[in-house]
């Protein structure tokens, strides 16, 4: 089994499944080479529906090279409203062309008439009685071009290996991709681990300081100055060192300037100065890191991903618009007596083996899968009760399928991959098996 690259190991991904050499190449030579469109799962009333009963305007936005958070901020600024009144179902890649839904609370269609945002096309779909929540989609469709592949012909052999490993349609471990942790600066899980351990100052420092080689030199220098300012407890100097483009870092530091940064409560308040979805992301990234580690250990031990072993927890699945979506709320513990029955459900795409995204309500698996879960949590100094946290940092946890399957089409000249994935699964996790390129070189 091939080892992963160091930047992948840093986020808990330790292996490749396929042994063949990859196609090589690179992603996102142009934003148009990485297209993402939501498989929508959100009903909208007509645009002229009563705004009192349906206070949320539903729009579909096609964005070129826009980070989802940044677009939401730009849109809210253009409308003169709080960013908290803008909601969406899933965060998308920045260096791409993406199409996704947003809801705008207490906004009328006429309010958008004078709003023009560069590289963003907005279409009004209607109104809704509630705003979008994270996960309000079935999945995403991808059309991705790999530029300058050294061995594009290897793609078909890799497809065969992945089908041999987990059957058809092909499957890969359902790792959380680099984007979950920060593509250029994978620190969100580090922040989250500090939060879960109650280390509020260390959490802020991990986010605003902590320079990475993969960042622009200007950002690295700013973070080095922040580190020095932390040592001196000079929050004003830290704030002055950070350029405007690092807006979330400045929000945290400004909160420390105002509070004095003398207590754990001050540092927690600094973390709460960023948008609520980013606060949740910190803890979610810590959960995701632990999940990746569990999958890597399962691979290392040679346990199957496409069928259960005794002690596993499986969940059932449903199909929406051709996308198979595992439902962690419909789970079943797999006893020795039930292994073959659940395995047949997995073979037919009706069930998936799961691993935990640890939280306060997490119940661990039994047998060898449970042994893996306990060992990983012990290594990371995590326990379910640690997630009983204030505000947006609290998490009850859930379970997540350990395998993601997809019907994948491959075209040559240029090397192009067309496929769909359920919500929460990463295109880059599928493509890493085919390309085997070091993410640090992108």
Protein backbone atom coordinates (compact mmCIF):
# COMPACT_ATOMS: atom_id res chain seq x y z
CA UNK A 1 0.00 0.00 0.00
CA UNK A 2 1.48 3.32 -1.11
CA UNK A 3 2.17 5.94 1.53
CA UNK A 4 0.57 9.38 1.29
CA UNK A 5 2.49 12.63 0.97
CA UNK A 6 3.59 14.52 4.12
CA UNK A 7 1.01 17.28 3.62
CA UNK A 8 -1.70 14.60 3.51
CA UNK A 9 -0.32 12.80 6.55
CA UNK A 10 -0.56 16.12 8.40
CA UNK A 11 -4.37 15.91 8.08
CA UNK A 12 -4.63 12.20 8.88
CA UNK A 13 -4.49 10.68 5.37
CA UNK A 14 -1.72 8.11 5.43
CA UNK A 15 -2.22 5.81 2.41
CA UNK A 16 -3.36 5.34 -1.17
CA UNK A 17 -5.57 2.37 -2.02
CA UNK A 18 -4.36 1.90 -5.60
CA UNK A 19 -0.76 0.87 -6.25
CA UNK A 20 -0.34 2.00 -9.88
CA UNK A 21 1.58 5.14 -10.70
CA UNK A 22 -0.72 8.10 -11.13
CA UNK A 23 -1.53 10.21 -14.15
CA UNK A 24 0.28 13.17 -12.64
CA UNK A 25 -0.78 16.63 -13.69
CA UNK A 26 -2.33 19.48 -11.80
CA UNK A 27 -5.75 20.83 -10.96
CA UNK A 28 -7.20 24.31 -11.45
CA UNK A 29 -4.86 25.57 -14.17
CA UNK A 30 -7.89 27.77 -14.80
CA UNK A 31 -11.05 28.08 -12.68
CA UNK A 32 -13.08 26.69 -15.59
CA UNK A 33 -11.14 23.43 -15.27
CA UNK A 34 -12.84 22.70 -11.94
CA UNK A 35 -16.63 22.97 -12.20
CA UNK A 36 -18.96 22.13 -9.33
CA UNK A 37 -22.76 22.22 -9.34
CA UNK A 38 -24.96 21.37 -6.39
CA UNK A 39 -27.45 18.54 -6.66
CA UNK A 40 -30.18 20.60 -5.05
CA UNK A 41 -32.54 19.41 -2.35
CA UNK A 42 -34.35 22.56 -1.26
CA UNK A 43 -37.88 23.59 -2.20
CA UNK A 44 -38.72 27.20 -3.07
CA UNK A 45 -42.08 28.93 -3.43
CA UNK A 46 -42.61 31.39 -6.32
CA UNK A 47 -40.71 34.67 -6.07
CA UNK A 48 -43.96 36.62 -5.57
CA UNK A 49 -44.98 34.54 -2.53
CA UNK A 50 -45.90 36.45 0.65
CA UNK A 51 -42.66 37.73 2.17
CA UNK A 52 -44.22 37.60 5.63
CA UNK A 53 -44.81 33.87 5.42
CA UNK A 54 -41.70 33.22 3.32
CA UNK A 55 -39.07 35.70 4.56
CA UNK A 56 -36.08 34.09 2.80
CA UNK A 57 -35.23 34.90 -0.82
CA UNK A 58 -33.73 31.85 -2.58
CA UNK A 59 -31.04 32.52 -5.20
CA UNK A 60 -28.76 30.37 -7.33
CA UNK A 61 -25.29 31.86 -7.80
CA UNK A 62 -22.62 30.81 -10.28
CA UNK A 63 -19.27 32.02 -8.98
CA UNK A 64 -15.84 32.17 -10.54
CA UNK A 65 -12.93 32.11 -8.08
CA UNK A 66 -15.02 33.04 -5.07
CA UNK A 67 -14.58 31.58 -1.60
CA UNK A 68 -18.10 30.93 -0.28
CA UNK A 69 -17.57 32.93 2.92
CA UNK A 70 -16.02 35.83 0.99
CA UNK A 71 -18.91 35.92 -1.48
CA UNK A 72 -21.44 35.90 1.34
CA UNK A 73 -19.63 38.84 2.93
CA UNK A 74 -19.45 40.73 -0.36
CA UNK A 75 -23.13 40.10 -1.07
CA UNK A 76 -24.22 41.16 2.42
CA UNK A 77 -22.14 44.33 2.14
CA UNK A 78 -23.71 45.14 -1.23
CA UNK A 79 -27.18 44.66 0.28
CA UNK A 80 -26.32 46.55 3.47
CA UNK A 81 -27.22 43.63 5.76
CA UNK A 82 -25.46 41.44 8.30
CA UNK A 83 -23.58 38.48 6.85
CA UNK A 84 -25.52 36.30 9.27
CA UNK A 85 -28.61 36.89 7.08
CA UNK A 86 -26.92 35.02 4.20
CA UNK A 87 -27.06 31.21 4.35
CA UNK A 88 -25.92 28.35 2.14
CA UNK A 89 -25.89 24.57 2.15
CA UNK A 90 -22.24 23.76 1.42
CA UNK A 91 -18.86 25.46 1.16
CA UNK A 92 -17.25 25.20 -2.28
CA UNK A 93 -13.73 25.40 -3.68
CA UNK A 94 -12.48 28.92 -4.33
CA UNK A 95 -10.37 28.18 -7.41
CA UNK A 96 -13.29 26.86 -9.44
CA UNK A 97 -16.54 27.73 -11.17
CA UNK A 98 -19.27 26.78 -8.72
CA UNK A 99 -23.05 26.85 -8.83
CA UNK A 100 -24.92 26.76 -5.53
CA UNK A 101 -27.94 28.03 -3.62
CA UNK A 102 -28.06 30.86 -1.09
CA UNK A 103 -30.93 32.25 0.99
CA UNK A 104 -31.20 35.90 2.01
CA UNK A 105 -33.33 36.69 5.06
CA UNK A 106 -35.73 39.65 4.80
CA UNK A 107 -34.58 40.60 1.30
CA UNK A 108 -36.83 41.25 -1.70
CA UNK A 109 -36.02 40.50 -5.31
CA UNK A 110 -36.00 44.26 -6.03
CA UNK A 111 -33.15 44.71 -3.50
CA UNK A 112 -30.89 42.76 -5.88
CA UNK A 113 -31.62 45.01 -8.87
CA UNK A 114 -28.63 47.28 -8.30
CA UNK A 115 -26.29 44.61 -6.97
CA UNK A 116 -23.49 43.65 -9.35
CA UNK A 117 -20.61 41.48 -8.14
CA UNK A 118 -17.61 40.71 -10.30
CA UNK A 119 -17.48 37.12 -11.60
CA UNK A 120 -20.82 36.23 -10.00
CA UNK A 121 -24.11 35.53 -11.79
CA UNK A 122 -27.18 35.52 -9.56
CA UNK A 123 -30.57 34.02 -10.43
CA UNK A 124 -33.62 34.43 -8.20
CA UNK A 125 -35.47 31.14 -7.73
CA UNK A 126 -38.19 32.05 -5.27
CA UNK A 127 -38.89 32.36 -1.55
CA UNK A 128 -38.78 30.01 1.42
CA UNK A 129 -40.13 29.87 4.95
CA UNK A 130 -36.68 29.02 6.28
CA UNK A 131 -33.08 29.67 5.41
CA UNK A 132 -30.67 27.11 4.06
CA UNK A 133 -28.83 25.08 6.64
CA UNK A 134 -25.49 23.38 6.20
CA UNK A 135 -26.15 20.06 4.46
CA UNK A 136 -29.35 21.15 2.67
CA UNK A 137 -28.23 19.50 -0.58
CA UNK A 138 -28.04 15.99 -1.97
CA UNK A 139 -24.52 16.25 -3.32
CA UNK A 140 -22.37 17.84 -6.00
CA UNK A 141 -21.66 17.16 -9.66
CA UNK A 142 -18.09 17.67 -10.87
CA UNK A 143 -16.44 18.21 -14.24
CA UNK A 144 -12.70 18.42 -13.68
CA UNK A 145 -9.86 18.78 -16.18
CA UNK A 146 -6.37 17.62 -15.18
CA UNK A 147 -3.74 19.77 -16.86
CA UNK A 148 -0.37 18.47 -18.12
CA UNK A 149 -0.75 14.82 -17.03
CA UNK A 150 2.45 12.81 -17.52
CA UNK A 151 0.67 9.45 -17.87
CA UNK A 152 -3.02 9.98 -18.66
CA UNK A 153 -3.31 6.38 -19.89
CA UNK A 154 -2.87 5.17 -16.28
CA UNK A 155 -6.36 6.37 -15.36
CA UNK A 156 -8.12 3.23 -16.61
CA UNK A 157 -5.79 0.89 -14.73
CA UNK A 158 -6.37 2.85 -11.53
CA UNK A 159 -10.12 2.67 -12.07
CA UNK A 160 -9.81 -1.15 -12.28
CA UNK A 161 -7.79 -1.29 -9.07
CA UNK A 162 -10.37 0.78 -7.21
CA UNK A 163 -13.15 -1.48 -8.49
CA UNK A 164 -11.17 -4.54 -7.41
CA UNK A 165 -10.72 -3.02 -3.95
CA UNK A 166 -14.36 -2.13 -3.23
CA UNK A 167 -16.47 -3.40 -6.13
CA UNK A 168 -18.53 -1.39 -8.60
CA UNK A 169 -19.17 1.46 -8.86
CA UNK A 170 -15.62 2.27 -7.80
CA UNK A 171 -15.01 3.35 -4.23
CA UNK A 172 -12.36 5.23 -2.28
CA UNK A 173 -11.96 5.90 1.45
CA UNK A 174 -14.25 8.77 2.36
CA UNK A 175 -11.46 10.95 3.74
CA UNK A 176 -11.96 14.63 4.42
CA UNK A 177 -9.86 16.45 1.82
CA UNK A 178 -7.21 19.10 2.30
CA UNK A 179 -9.78 21.89 1.87
CA UNK A 180 -11.41 20.90 5.15
CA UNK A 181 -8.28 21.92 7.00
CA UNK A 182 -7.02 24.75 4.76
CA UNK A 183 -5.47 23.92 1.41
CA UNK A 184 -2.43 26.18 1.75
CA UNK A 185 -2.36 26.38 5.52
CA UNK A 186 -3.92 23.33 7.18
CA UNK A 187 -4.52 24.69 10.68
CA UNK A 188 -8.26 24.56 11.30
CA UNK A 189 -8.01 21.16 13.00
CA UNK A 190 -5.15 22.43 15.16
CA UNK A 191 -7.36 25.30 16.27
CA UNK A 192 -10.24 22.90 16.88
CA UNK A 193 -8.16 20.48 18.94
CA UNK A 194 -7.10 23.37 21.20
CA UNK A 195 -10.74 24.48 21.52
CA UNK A 196 -11.91 21.00 22.51
CA UNK A 197 -9.15 20.82 25.13
CA UNK A 198 -10.17 24.22 26.53
CA UNK A 199 -6.91 25.81 25.38
CA UNK A 200 -8.45 29.08 24.19
CA UNK A 201 -5.25 31.15 23.92
CA UNK A 202 -3.45 28.38 22.05
CA UNK A 203 -6.42 28.15 19.67
CA UNK A 204 -6.24 31.87 18.80
CA UNK A 205 -2.49 31.74 18.41
CA UNK A 206 -2.69 28.70 16.11
CA UNK A 207 -4.99 30.67 13.81
CA UNK A 208 -3.49 34.16 13.78
CA UNK A 209 0.19 33.20 14.18
CA UNK A 210 1.66 29.87 13.11
CA UNK A 211 3.14 30.74 9.65
CA UNK A 212 3.26 28.09 6.92
CA UNK A 213 5.79 27.79 4.08
CA UNK A 214 2.95 27.41 1.58
CA UNK A 215 1.60 30.92 2.31
CA UNK A 216 2.67 34.09 0.51
CA UNK A 217 5.78 35.58 2.08
CA UNK A 218 3.86 38.65 3.20
CA UNK A 219 1.44 36.52 5.21
CA UNK A 220 4.30 34.52 6.72
CA UNK A 221 6.06 37.70 7.84
CA UNK A 222 2.85 39.06 9.36
CA UNK A 223 2.35 35.86 11.34
CA UNK A 224 5.96 35.92 12.58
CA UNK A 225 5.35 39.43 13.90
CA UNK A 226 2.14 38.23 15.53
CA UNK A 227 4.09 35.48 17.28
CA UNK A 228 6.48 38.08 18.67
CA UNK A 229 3.59 40.27 19.77
CA UNK A 230 1.99 37.30 21.56
CA UNK A 231 5.18 36.80 23.53
CA UNK A 232 5.02 40.47 24.59
CA UNK A 233 1.22 40.42 25.07
CA UNK A 234 1.10 43.43 22.73
CA UNK A 235 -2.21 42.95 20.97
CA UNK A 236 -2.14 46.33 19.23
CA UNK A 237 1.20 45.47 17.62
CA UNK A 238 -0.20 42.14 16.53
CA UNK A 239 -3.22 43.83 14.95
CA UNK A 240 -1.04 46.36 13.13
CA UNK A 241 1.13 43.55 11.73
CA UNK A 242 -1.78 41.80 9.99
CA UNK A 243 -2.83 43.08 6.54
CA UNK A 244 -6.50 43.77 5.73
CA UNK A 245 -6.74 40.69 3.48
CA UNK A 246 -6.49 38.48 6.60
CA UNK A 247 -9.87 39.67 7.82
CA UNK A 248 -10.71 36.89 10.27
CA UNK A 249 -7.30 37.18 11.92
CA UNK A 250 -7.84 40.92 12.33
CA UNK A 251 -11.27 40.31 13.88
CA UNK A 252 -9.73 38.06 16.52
CA UNK A 253 -6.90 40.46 17.28
CA UNK A 254 -9.20 43.46 17.43
CA UNK A 255 -11.24 41.60 20.05
CA UNK A 256 -8.07 41.07 22.09
CA UNK A 257 -7.19 44.77 21.81
CA UNK A 258 -10.63 45.68 23.15
CA UNK A 259 -10.70 43.08 25.95
CA UNK A 260 -7.07 43.23 26.99
CA UNK A 261 -6.45 39.53 26.36
CA UNK A 262 -5.91 38.75 30.03
CA UNK A 263 -8.05 35.65 30.55
CA UNK A 264 -9.24 32.48 28.83
CA UNK A 265 -12.63 34.16 28.44
CA UNK A 266 -10.99 36.96 26.42
CA UNK A 267 -9.44 34.44 24.02
CA UNK A 268 -12.70 32.55 23.69
CA UNK A 269 -14.41 35.87 22.87
CA UNK A 270 -11.73 36.48 20.22
CA UNK A 271 -12.59 33.17 18.56
CA UNK A 272 -16.26 34.12 18.72
CA UNK A 273 -15.50 37.34 16.82
CA UNK A 274 -15.44 35.40 13.53
CA UNK A 275 -18.61 34.19 11.75
CA UNK A 276 -20.51 31.38 13.42
CA UNK A 277 -19.90 28.95 10.56
CA UNK A 278 -16.13 29.39 10.96
CA UNK A 279 -16.42 28.77 14.70
CA UNK A 280 -18.19 25.50 13.95
CA UNK A 281 -15.60 24.65 11.31
CA UNK A 282 -12.80 24.67 13.88
CA UNK A 283 -14.44 21.90 15.91
CA UNK A 284 -15.64 20.11 12.77
CA UNK A 285 -12.05 20.05 11.49
CA UNK A 286 -10.84 18.44 14.71
CA UNK A 287 -13.54 15.78 14.30
CA UNK A 288 -12.55 15.34 10.65
CA UNK A 289 -8.88 14.89 11.53
CA UNK A 290 -9.74 12.13 14.01
CA UNK A 291 -12.00 10.52 11.40
CA UNK A 292 -9.19 10.50 8.81
CA UNK A 293 -6.87 8.91 11.35
CA UNK A 294 -9.43 6.16 12.06
CA UNK A 295 -9.79 5.39 8.33
CA UNK A 296 -6.01 5.32 7.88
CA UNK A 297 -5.63 2.84 10.72
CA UNK A 298 -8.43 0.67 9.31
CA UNK A 299 -6.59 0.61 5.97
CA UNK A 300 -3.30 -0.25 7.67
CA UNK A 301 -4.94 -3.19 9.44
CA UNK A 302 -6.49 -4.47 6.21
CA UNK A 303 -10.10 -4.26 7.39
CA UNK A 304 -12.65 -3.96 4.57
CA UNK A 305 -14.38 -0.70 3.68
CA UNK A 306 -17.11 -2.09 1.42
CA UNK A 307 -18.52 -4.52 3.98
CA UNK A 308 -18.70 -4.70 7.78
CA UNK A 309 -16.92 -6.81 10.34
CA UNK A 310 -18.39 -7.71 13.70
CA UNK A 311 -18.56 -4.64 15.93
CA UNK A 312 -19.02 -2.14 13.09
CA UNK A 313 -21.84 0.39 13.00
CA UNK A 314 -23.56 0.59 9.60
CA UNK A 315 -26.04 3.15 8.30
CA UNK A 316 -28.65 2.84 5.59
CA UNK A 317 -28.79 5.00 2.47
CA UNK A 318 -31.22 6.64 0.07
CA UNK A 319 -30.89 7.78 -3.53
CA UNK A 320 -31.66 11.36 -4.61
CA UNK A 321 -31.30 12.35 -8.28
CA UNK A 322 -28.84 9.53 -8.91
CA UNK A 323 -26.70 10.29 -5.83
CA UNK A 324 -26.58 7.70 -3.03
CA UNK A 325 -26.68 9.46 0.32
CA UNK A 326 -25.78 7.60 3.53
CA UNK A 327 -28.13 8.50 6.40
CA UNK A 328 -26.28 8.36 9.76
CA UNK A 329 -29.59 8.72 11.61
CA UNK A 330 -30.57 5.23 10.40
CA UNK A 331 -27.84 3.10 11.89
CA UNK A 332 -27.44 -0.48 13.01
CA UNK A 333 -24.81 -2.21 15.07
CA UNK A 334 -23.38 -5.21 13.29
CA UNK A 335 -23.25 -8.35 15.40
CA UNK A 336 -21.47 -11.50 14.33
CA UNK A 337 -24.85 -12.93 13.36
CA UNK A 338 -25.74 -9.91 11.20
CA UNK A 339 -22.45 -9.48 9.31
CA UNK A 340 -23.51 -11.28 6.12
CA UNK A 341 -26.95 -9.66 6.03
CA UNK A 342 -25.54 -6.14 6.34
CA UNK A 343 -22.80 -7.01 3.85
CA UNK A 344 -25.48 -7.79 1.25
CA UNK A 345 -27.08 -4.39 1.89
CA UNK A 346 -23.66 -2.75 1.41
CA UNK A 347 -23.08 -4.66 -1.83
CA UNK A 348 -26.39 -3.34 -3.20
CA UNK A 349 -25.63 0.24 -2.18
CA UNK A 350 -28.29 0.26 0.53
CA UNK A 351 -25.93 0.54 3.50
CA UNK A 352 -22.44 1.77 4.41
CA UNK A 353 -20.00 1.06 7.21
CA UNK A 354 -19.42 4.16 9.36
CA UNK A 355 -16.86 5.72 11.67
CA UNK A 356 -17.50 8.47 14.24
CA UNK A 357 -17.27 12.22 13.98
CA UNK A 358 -16.85 12.35 17.72
CA UNK A 359 -19.16 14.48 19.86
CA UNK A 360 -21.09 14.40 23.12
CA UNK A 361 -23.53 11.71 21.92
CA UNK A 362 -20.96 9.46 20.24
CA UNK A 363 -21.19 5.76 21.01
CA UNK A 364 -18.14 3.89 19.82
CA UNK A 365 -18.16 0.71 17.77
CA UNK A 366 -17.34 -2.71 19.16
CA UNK A 367 -14.77 -5.31 18.19
CA UNK A 368 -11.68 -4.28 16.26
CA UNK A 369 -13.34 -1.15 14.74
CA UNK A 370 -14.09 0.10 18.27
CA UNK A 371 -10.53 -0.69 19.30
CA UNK A 372 -9.26 1.54 16.48
CA UNK A 373 -11.60 4.38 17.46
CA UNK A 374 -10.52 4.28 21.12
CA UNK A 375 -6.83 4.19 20.26
CA UNK A 376 -7.09 7.21 17.96
CA UNK A 377 -9.06 9.25 20.49
CA UNK A 378 -6.60 8.35 23.22
CA UNK A 379 -3.66 9.44 21.04
CA UNK A 380 -5.38 12.77 20.34
CA UNK A 381 -6.47 13.23 23.98
CA UNK A 382 -10.13 13.41 22.94
CA UNK A 383 -13.27 12.07 24.56
CA UNK A 384 -16.96 12.55 23.67
CA UNK A 385 -17.59 14.66 26.78
CA UNK A 386 -14.91 17.16 25.67
CA UNK A 387 -17.32 18.43 23.02
CA UNK A 388 -19.76 19.77 25.63
CA UNK A 389 -18.65 23.29 24.77
CA UNK A 390 -20.24 26.75 24.80
CA UNK A 391 -22.07 28.27 21.86
CA UNK A 392 -21.12 27.31 18.32
CA UNK A 393 -18.27 25.09 19.53
CA UNK A 394 -20.64 22.50 21.00
CA UNK A 395 -21.10 19.30 18.98
CA UNK A 396 -23.18 16.21 19.57
CA UNK A 397 -21.26 14.37 16.86
CA UNK A 398 -22.52 11.91 14.28
CA UNK A 399 -21.24 9.02 12.17
CA UNK A 400 -20.04 9.13 8.57
CA UNK A 401 -19.68 6.51 5.85
CA UNK A 402 -16.10 5.29 5.50
CA UNK A 403 -16.49 4.56 1.76
CA UNK A 404 -17.68 6.83 -1.03
CA UNK A 405 -18.76 5.33 -4.36
CA UNK A 406 -19.25 7.04 -7.71
CA UNK A 407 -19.98 6.25 -11.34
CA UNK A 408 -17.02 8.00 -12.92
CA UNK A 409 -16.50 8.87 -16.58
CA UNK A 410 -13.00 9.47 -17.92
CA UNK A 411 -12.20 11.30 -21.14
CA UNK A 412 -8.80 11.88 -22.72
CA UNK A 413 -7.48 14.96 -24.54
CA UNK A 414 -7.85 16.72 -22.21
CA UNK A 415 -7.94 14.30 -19.31
CA UNK A 416 -11.36 14.98 -17.79
CA UNK A 417 -13.28 13.35 -14.94
CA UNK A 418 -17.08 13.61 -14.67
CA UNK A 419 -18.76 12.28 -11.53
CA UNK A 420 -21.13 13.07 -8.69
CA UNK A 421 -20.62 12.66 -4.96
CA UNK A 422 -22.94 12.82 -1.95
CA UNK A 423 -22.79 15.92 0.21
CA UNK A 424 -19.74 16.13 2.41
CA UNK A 425 -17.51 14.01 0.17
CA UNK A 426 -14.53 15.50 -1.65
CA UNK A 427 -13.70 15.38 -5.35
CA UNK A 428 -10.02 15.81 -4.53
CA UNK A 429 -10.13 12.61 -2.45
CA UNK A 430 -11.28 10.70 -5.55
CA UNK A 431 -8.76 12.42 -7.83
CA UNK A 432 -5.78 11.92 -5.51
CA UNK A 433 -5.99 8.18 -6.25
CA UNK A 434 -5.81 8.88 -9.99
CA UNK A 435 -3.23 11.65 -10.03
CA UNK A 436 -0.98 10.73 -7.08
CA UNK A 437 0.41 14.25 -7.20
CA UNK A 438 1.84 15.94 -4.11
CA UNK A 439 -0.75 18.53 -2.96
CA UNK A 440 2.14 20.70 -1.78
CA UNK A 441 3.12 21.21 -5.44
CA UNK A 442 -0.27 22.58 -6.53
